[in-house]
């Protein structure tokens, strides 16, 4: 029996079929790999590049337990979002909220979020007051680059500072604008420089005053920095009377302790470099005694009290900034608390 022979030119056709099958198989493998990777990405919802683990989820400003909330600086889809970790496990996986802030603070279920609004020609900025579920309650235009934000212990007042010109406190060529809003009525005091100032026991006026870094004692009294004539002062402010009174010199970005007896602040240290002049100090408001903390690096931040004995503050890090902690009484030594984080608030 004679078997039929393939037609002339059959070999090239067979080779083409083999090649086509190989291409289809490789394409199927590639597609499968892409789908598998996408599926894993969706399940993990993180694209970190060596940074802390982050998952999308629900963030509350009135958590069931004590939480640390901050702006997450970890690379990936959740960079710059507010994120939370348990206060007693700060290095754990963080939950990202989807809300992006440049500066943030919160207390008693009220949050303040200073945001950039990206435009075609230039960025603008705004202040957003948030409820406990991070929903927007009210917004205000911000006159410049956001730098400081605080909420009063009751959640009824919020304050923020922006750079109107210049971008650093280290030099002298800058101007700030600080505002306070009542979150119950939305009454806005948009420039604290209009307050009546008492300096060294006497009424004081000057065209070069700058005020920044509000920290609240209650819904009437606060502390802040007043700069004039090349010097800085700790001032006590009264929201109702609209007054500022100087208390102590060489104080910037104060932060009041939970018990209301001390202020942590950055102080220009003698002999420090002009571009890195600050060290972290604590002032006893009863005795006006200063205590240098164990942190000897330059601090360009408004420190936060984790409790009555511990300070938290930001320093430059691999992802932009890390949170560090040191005892407020000058003992011990600094240690890193959270990597890739800035603008913290303790809640719960």
Protein backbone atom coordinates (compact mmCIF):
# COMPACT_ATOMS: atom_id res chain seq x y z
CA UNK A 1 0.00 0.00 0.00
CA UNK A 2 1.37 3.38 -0.98
CA UNK A 3 0.89 6.23 1.49
CA UNK A 4 -0.14 9.62 0.09
CA UNK A 5 2.68 12.17 -0.10
CA UNK A 6 2.36 15.78 1.12
CA UNK A 7 2.12 18.36 -1.60
CA UNK A 8 5.16 20.33 -2.64
CA UNK A 9 5.92 23.19 -0.24
CA UNK A 10 4.36 21.29 2.72
CA UNK A 11 7.46 21.59 4.90
CA UNK A 12 7.36 25.42 5.02
CA UNK A 13 3.67 25.31 5.92
CA UNK A 14 4.36 22.92 8.76
CA UNK A 15 7.11 25.16 10.06
CA UNK A 16 4.76 28.16 9.96
CA UNK A 17 2.10 26.23 11.88
CA UNK A 18 4.68 25.23 14.50
CA UNK A 19 5.82 28.83 14.84
CA UNK A 20 2.25 30.08 15.17
CA UNK A 21 1.47 27.56 17.89
CA UNK A 22 4.65 28.57 19.78
CA UNK A 23 3.72 32.28 19.60
CA UNK A 24 0.22 31.56 20.89
CA UNK A 25 1.59 29.49 23.76
CA UNK A 26 4.08 32.18 24.74
CA UNK A 27 1.40 34.83 24.51
CA UNK A 28 -0.87 32.77 26.74
CA UNK A 29 1.91 32.33 29.30
CA UNK A 30 2.67 36.07 29.25
CA UNK A 31 -0.99 37.00 29.63
CA UNK A 32 -1.35 34.54 32.48
CA UNK A 33 1.68 36.01 34.24
CA UNK A 34 0.31 39.54 33.89
CA UNK A 35 -3.12 38.51 35.18
CA UNK A 36 -1.54 36.63 38.07
CA UNK A 37 0.57 39.64 39.01
CA UNK A 38 -2.43 41.95 38.77
CA UNK A 39 -4.46 39.60 40.91
CA UNK A 40 -1.75 39.53 43.58
CA UNK A 41 -1.46 43.31 43.41
CA UNK A 42 -5.19 43.66 43.88
CA UNK A 43 -5.25 41.30 46.79
CA UNK A 44 -2.35 42.95 48.56
CA UNK A 45 -3.23 46.42 47.29
CA UNK A 46 0.34 47.52 47.78
CA UNK A 47 3.23 48.31 45.50
CA UNK A 48 5.82 49.17 48.08
CA UNK A 49 9.44 49.30 47.03
CA UNK A 50 11.13 48.08 50.17
CA UNK A 51 8.99 50.24 52.46
CA UNK A 52 6.39 49.53 55.14
CA UNK A 53 3.43 47.35 54.22
CA UNK A 54 0.27 49.36 53.48
CA UNK A 55 -3.30 48.22 52.82
CA UNK A 56 -6.34 50.26 51.85
CA UNK A 57 -9.04 50.28 54.49
CA UNK A 58 -11.23 52.28 56.84
CA UNK A 59 -9.64 54.91 59.09
CA UNK A 60 -11.54 56.58 61.94
CA UNK A 61 -10.62 59.63 64.00
CA UNK A 62 -12.55 58.04 66.88
CA UNK A 63 -11.01 54.55 66.96
CA UNK A 64 -11.98 51.77 69.33
CA UNK A 65 -8.42 51.61 70.73
CA UNK A 66 -5.47 53.97 70.78
CA UNK A 67 -4.20 54.61 67.27
CA UNK A 68 -1.40 56.61 65.70
CA UNK A 69 -2.53 58.43 62.54
CA UNK A 70 -0.08 60.12 60.19
CA UNK A 71 0.70 61.01 56.59
CA UNK A 72 2.26 57.89 55.11
CA UNK A 73 5.39 58.54 53.04
CA UNK A 74 5.89 54.94 51.89
CA UNK A 75 6.30 54.57 48.13
CA UNK A 76 3.34 53.08 46.32
CA UNK A 77 -0.28 53.89 45.53
CA UNK A 78 -0.97 55.18 49.07
CA UNK A 79 1.89 57.67 49.41
CA UNK A 80 0.76 60.91 51.14
CA UNK A 81 -2.49 59.32 52.38
CA UNK A 82 -3.54 59.39 56.01
CA UNK A 83 -2.75 56.01 57.48
CA UNK A 84 -3.14 54.41 60.87
CA UNK A 85 -1.39 51.81 63.02
CA UNK A 86 -2.04 50.64 66.59
CA UNK A 87 -0.22 53.00 68.97
CA UNK A 88 1.43 50.05 70.72
CA UNK A 89 2.52 48.46 67.42
CA UNK A 90 3.72 51.41 65.33
CA UNK A 91 5.87 49.27 63.01
CA UNK A 92 2.92 47.08 61.99
CA UNK A 93 1.09 47.06 58.68
CA UNK A 94 -0.60 50.40 58.17
CA UNK A 95 -4.13 51.03 56.92
CA UNK A 96 -4.41 53.81 54.33
CA UNK A 97 -7.53 55.96 54.12
CA UNK A 98 -7.43 57.32 50.57
CA UNK A 99 -7.35 60.90 51.93
CA UNK A 100 -4.17 62.79 51.02
CA UNK A 101 -2.74 65.56 53.21
CA UNK A 102 0.43 67.61 53.34
CA UNK A 103 -0.12 68.46 57.00
CA UNK A 104 -2.56 66.84 59.43
CA UNK A 105 -3.69 66.79 63.03
CA UNK A 106 -6.78 65.56 64.85
CA UNK A 107 -8.45 65.47 68.27
CA UNK A 108 -11.86 64.42 69.60
CA UNK A 109 -13.08 63.20 66.21
CA UNK A 110 -12.17 66.38 64.30
CA UNK A 111 -9.35 66.44 61.77
CA UNK A 112 -7.54 69.18 59.86
CA UNK A 113 -5.99 68.31 56.51
CA UNK A 114 -3.90 70.79 54.54
CA UNK A 115 -3.95 69.80 50.88
CA UNK A 116 -2.42 70.76 47.55
CA UNK A 117 -4.74 71.33 44.58
CA UNK A 118 -2.77 70.62 41.41
CA UNK A 119 -3.55 73.03 38.59
CA UNK A 120 -2.45 73.26 34.96
CA UNK A 121 -0.11 76.19 35.63
CA UNK A 122 0.50 76.08 39.39
CA UNK A 123 -0.58 74.40 42.60
CA UNK A 124 -2.94 76.04 45.06
CA UNK A 125 -3.68 74.94 48.61
CA UNK A 126 -6.68 74.49 50.85
CA UNK A 127 -7.59 73.66 54.42
CA UNK A 128 -10.11 70.85 54.90
CA UNK A 129 -11.89 70.16 58.19
CA UNK A 130 -12.76 66.47 58.49
CA UNK A 131 -15.25 64.55 60.60
CA UNK A 132 -14.46 61.30 62.38
CA UNK A 133 -14.98 59.28 59.17
CA UNK A 134 -12.69 61.62 57.20
CA UNK A 135 -15.58 63.23 55.36
CA UNK A 136 -15.17 66.89 54.44
CA UNK A 137 -17.11 69.24 56.70
CA UNK A 138 -15.78 72.56 55.43
CA UNK A 139 -12.96 73.90 53.27
CA UNK A 140 -11.04 77.16 53.25
CA UNK A 141 -8.55 78.48 50.72
CA UNK A 142 -5.00 78.57 52.08
CA UNK A 143 -2.87 81.57 51.19
CA UNK A 144 0.38 79.66 50.75
CA UNK A 145 2.38 76.48 51.34
CA UNK A 146 1.03 74.49 54.34
CA UNK A 147 3.44 74.04 57.23
CA UNK A 148 1.67 73.62 60.61
CA UNK A 149 -1.75 72.37 61.79
CA UNK A 150 -3.38 71.72 65.17
CA UNK A 151 -6.83 70.89 66.62
CA UNK A 152 -7.87 71.84 70.15
CA UNK A 153 -8.41 68.98 72.67
CA UNK A 154 -12.20 69.35 72.36
CA UNK A 155 -12.13 69.32 68.55
CA UNK A 156 -13.94 72.68 68.46
CA UNK A 157 -11.03 74.81 67.21
CA UNK A 158 -8.54 74.22 64.42
CA UNK A 159 -5.49 76.29 63.47
CA UNK A 160 -3.14 76.25 60.51
CA UNK A 161 -0.07 78.12 59.30
CA UNK A 162 1.12 78.60 55.72
CA UNK A 163 4.14 80.25 54.14
CA UNK A 164 2.90 83.26 52.18
CA UNK A 165 6.42 83.91 50.86
CA UNK A 166 9.64 82.00 51.36
CA UNK A 167 9.71 78.30 52.20
CA UNK A 168 11.87 77.89 55.30
CA UNK A 169 11.95 79.15 58.88
CA UNK A 170 15.74 78.92 58.86
CA UNK A 171 16.25 82.25 57.08
CA UNK A 172 14.67 85.65 57.64
CA UNK A 173 13.10 86.22 54.23
CA UNK A 174 9.72 84.60 54.83
CA UNK A 175 6.19 85.54 55.78
CA UNK A 176 3.53 83.36 57.40
CA UNK A 177 -0.21 83.49 57.79
CA UNK A 178 -1.96 81.73 60.68
CA UNK A 179 -5.71 81.23 61.00
CA UNK A 180 -8.09 79.74 63.58
CA UNK A 181 -11.59 78.46 62.85
CA UNK A 182 -14.41 77.48 65.22
CA UNK A 183 -15.74 74.17 63.89
CA UNK A 184 -19.11 74.72 65.56
CA UNK A 185 -19.94 77.99 63.79
CA UNK A 186 -17.26 78.17 61.04
CA UNK A 187 -16.33 81.63 62.32
CA UNK A 188 -12.88 82.27 60.90
CA UNK A 189 -10.06 84.43 62.26
CA UNK A 190 -7.92 84.41 59.14
CA UNK A 191 -4.86 86.32 60.36
CA UNK A 192 -3.61 86.27 63.96
CA UNK A 193 -1.33 89.21 63.20
CA UNK A 194 -4.39 91.42 63.81
CA UNK A 195 -4.37 90.44 67.50
CA UNK A 196 -3.29 93.04 70.07
CA UNK A 197 0.27 92.21 71.19
CA UNK A 198 1.80 92.80 74.61
CA UNK A 199 5.59 92.39 74.53
CA UNK A 200 7.66 92.54 77.71
CA UNK A 201 4.66 94.03 79.54
CA UNK A 202 3.97 96.82 77.04
CA UNK A 203 1.67 97.21 74.02
CA UNK A 204 3.61 96.44 70.87
CA UNK A 205 3.14 97.05 67.15
CA UNK A 206 5.47 96.32 64.25
CA UNK A 207 5.17 95.81 60.51
CA UNK A 208 7.42 92.71 60.56
CA UNK A 209 5.46 90.43 62.90
CA UNK A 210 4.91 86.79 61.97
CA UNK A 211 2.91 84.27 63.99
CA UNK A 212 2.94 80.50 63.55
CA UNK A 213 2.73 77.12 65.24
CA UNK A 214 -0.45 77.32 67.33
CA UNK A 215 -0.88 74.72 70.08
CA UNK A 216 -4.14 74.75 72.07
CA UNK A 217 -4.63 74.58 75.82
CA UNK A 218 -8.43 74.75 75.53
CA UNK A 219 -11.06 76.56 73.44
CA UNK A 220 -9.88 79.99 74.55
CA UNK A 221 -6.19 79.81 75.37
CA UNK A 222 -3.35 78.79 73.06
CA UNK A 223 0.40 79.19 72.61
CA UNK A 224 2.29 80.12 69.45
CA UNK A 225 5.49 81.68 68.09
CA UNK A 226 5.77 85.41 67.48
CA UNK A 227 8.69 86.64 65.37
CA UNK A 228 9.72 90.28 65.15
CA UNK A 229 12.97 92.21 64.86
CA UNK A 230 14.98 89.06 64.17
CA UNK A 231 13.88 87.37 67.41
CA UNK A 232 11.25 84.75 68.25
CA UNK A 233 9.03 84.57 71.33
CA UNK A 234 6.64 82.15 72.92
CA UNK A 235 3.29 83.93 73.21
CA UNK A 236 0.10 83.04 75.03
CA UNK A 237 -2.98 83.81 72.97
CA UNK A 238 -6.62 84.41 73.82
CA UNK A 239 -9.10 83.58 71.05
CA UNK A 240 -11.95 85.53 72.65
CA UNK A 241 -10.02 88.66 73.60
CA UNK A 242 -7.80 88.42 70.47
CA UNK A 243 -4.60 89.11 72.37
CA UNK A 244 -1.04 87.79 72.34
CA UNK A 245 1.35 88.12 75.29
CA UNK A 246 5.07 87.25 75.15
CA UNK A 247 6.33 84.76 77.75
CA UNK A 248 9.80 83.57 76.73
CA UNK A 249 12.40 84.25 74.04
CA UNK A 250 13.91 81.93 71.41
CA UNK A 251 10.93 79.59 71.06
CA UNK A 252 9.60 78.22 67.76
CA UNK A 253 6.81 75.75 66.94
CA UNK A 254 5.62 75.12 70.51
CA UNK A 255 3.65 72.04 71.52
CA UNK A 256 1.78 71.96 74.83
CA UNK A 257 2.00 68.86 77.02
CA UNK A 258 -1.27 67.01 77.80
CA UNK A 259 -1.14 68.19 81.43
CA UNK A 260 -0.69 71.80 80.28
CA UNK A 261 2.48 72.43 82.30
CA UNK A 262 5.25 72.30 79.67
CA UNK A 263 5.93 73.31 76.10
CA UNK A 264 8.19 71.37 73.74
CA UNK A 265 9.74 73.54 71.04
CA UNK A 266 12.65 74.00 68.69
CA UNK A 267 15.29 76.49 69.85
CA UNK A 268 18.07 78.13 67.86
CA UNK A 269 21.21 76.73 69.45
CA UNK A 270 24.36 78.87 69.72
CA UNK A 271 27.04 77.71 67.29
CA UNK A 272 24.66 75.60 65.18
CA UNK A 273 24.84 75.93 61.36
CA UNK A 274 22.68 78.67 59.86
CA UNK A 275 20.79 76.16 57.71
CA UNK A 276 20.28 73.70 60.58
CA UNK A 277 19.96 75.88 63.69
CA UNK A 278 17.39 74.10 65.88
CA UNK A 279 17.55 71.70 68.81
CA UNK A 280 14.62 70.22 70.71
CA UNK A 281 13.90 71.70 74.16
CA UNK A 282 11.16 71.62 76.79
CA UNK A 283 10.08 74.70 78.79
CA UNK A 284 8.40 74.41 82.20
CA UNK A 285 5.68 77.09 82.12
CA UNK A 286 5.59 77.38 85.91
CA UNK A 287 9.31 78.09 86.41
CA UNK A 288 10.36 79.07 82.85
CA UNK A 289 13.18 76.53 83.16
CA UNK A 290 14.50 75.07 79.91
CA UNK A 291 15.54 71.43 79.50
CA UNK A 292 17.49 70.21 76.49
CA UNK A 293 16.32 66.83 75.24
CA UNK A 294 18.71 64.05 74.27
CA UNK A 295 17.96 64.74 70.60
CA UNK A 296 20.96 66.68 69.28
CA UNK A 297 20.06 66.72 65.58
CA UNK A 298 18.40 69.63 63.80
CA UNK A 299 14.62 69.62 64.34
CA UNK A 300 12.46 71.47 61.83
CA UNK A 301 9.07 70.27 63.08
CA UNK A 302 6.35 70.93 65.62
CA UNK A 303 6.87 68.13 68.11
CA UNK A 304 3.93 66.07 69.41
CA UNK A 305 3.45 64.73 72.93
CA UNK A 306 2.67 61.01 72.87
CA UNK A 307 1.96 61.30 76.61
CA UNK A 308 3.14 63.53 79.46
CA UNK A 309 6.70 62.22 79.25
CA UNK A 310 7.42 61.39 75.59
CA UNK A 311 7.93 63.53 72.48
CA UNK A 312 7.44 62.51 68.84
CA UNK A 313 8.84 64.48 65.91
CA UNK A 314 9.86 64.09 62.27
CA UNK A 315 13.38 63.89 60.85
CA UNK A 316 14.50 63.33 57.24
CA UNK A 317 14.46 59.67 56.18
CA UNK A 318 14.81 57.38 53.18
CA UNK A 319 11.21 57.97 52.12
CA UNK A 320 11.18 61.68 52.95
CA UNK A 321 10.62 61.58 56.70
CA UNK A 322 10.56 59.24 59.70
CA UNK A 323 9.01 59.72 63.12
CA UNK A 324 11.36 59.66 66.10
CA UNK A 325 10.76 59.76 69.84
CA UNK A 326 12.74 60.92 72.88
CA UNK A 327 11.97 61.48 76.60
CA UNK A 328 10.84 65.01 77.45
CA UNK A 329 12.98 65.24 80.61
CA UNK A 330 16.33 65.09 78.81
CA UNK A 331 17.07 61.49 79.77
CA UNK A 332 17.49 58.45 77.54
CA UNK A 333 18.26 58.63 73.84
CA UNK A 334 16.26 59.15 70.64
CA UNK A 335 14.89 56.16 68.75
CA UNK A 336 13.03 55.76 65.50
CA UNK A 337 9.33 55.14 66.08
CA UNK A 338 7.86 54.86 62.56
CA UNK A 339 9.59 54.97 59.19
CA UNK A 340 8.13 56.77 56.17
CA UNK A 341 5.74 58.96 58.18
CA UNK A 342 5.12 62.61 59.13
CA UNK A 343 2.40 64.80 60.71
CA UNK A 344 1.25 62.40 63.47
CA UNK A 345 -1.71 62.46 65.86
CA UNK A 346 -2.49 60.10 68.75
CA UNK A 347 -6.16 59.15 68.99
CA UNK A 348 -8.29 57.05 71.26
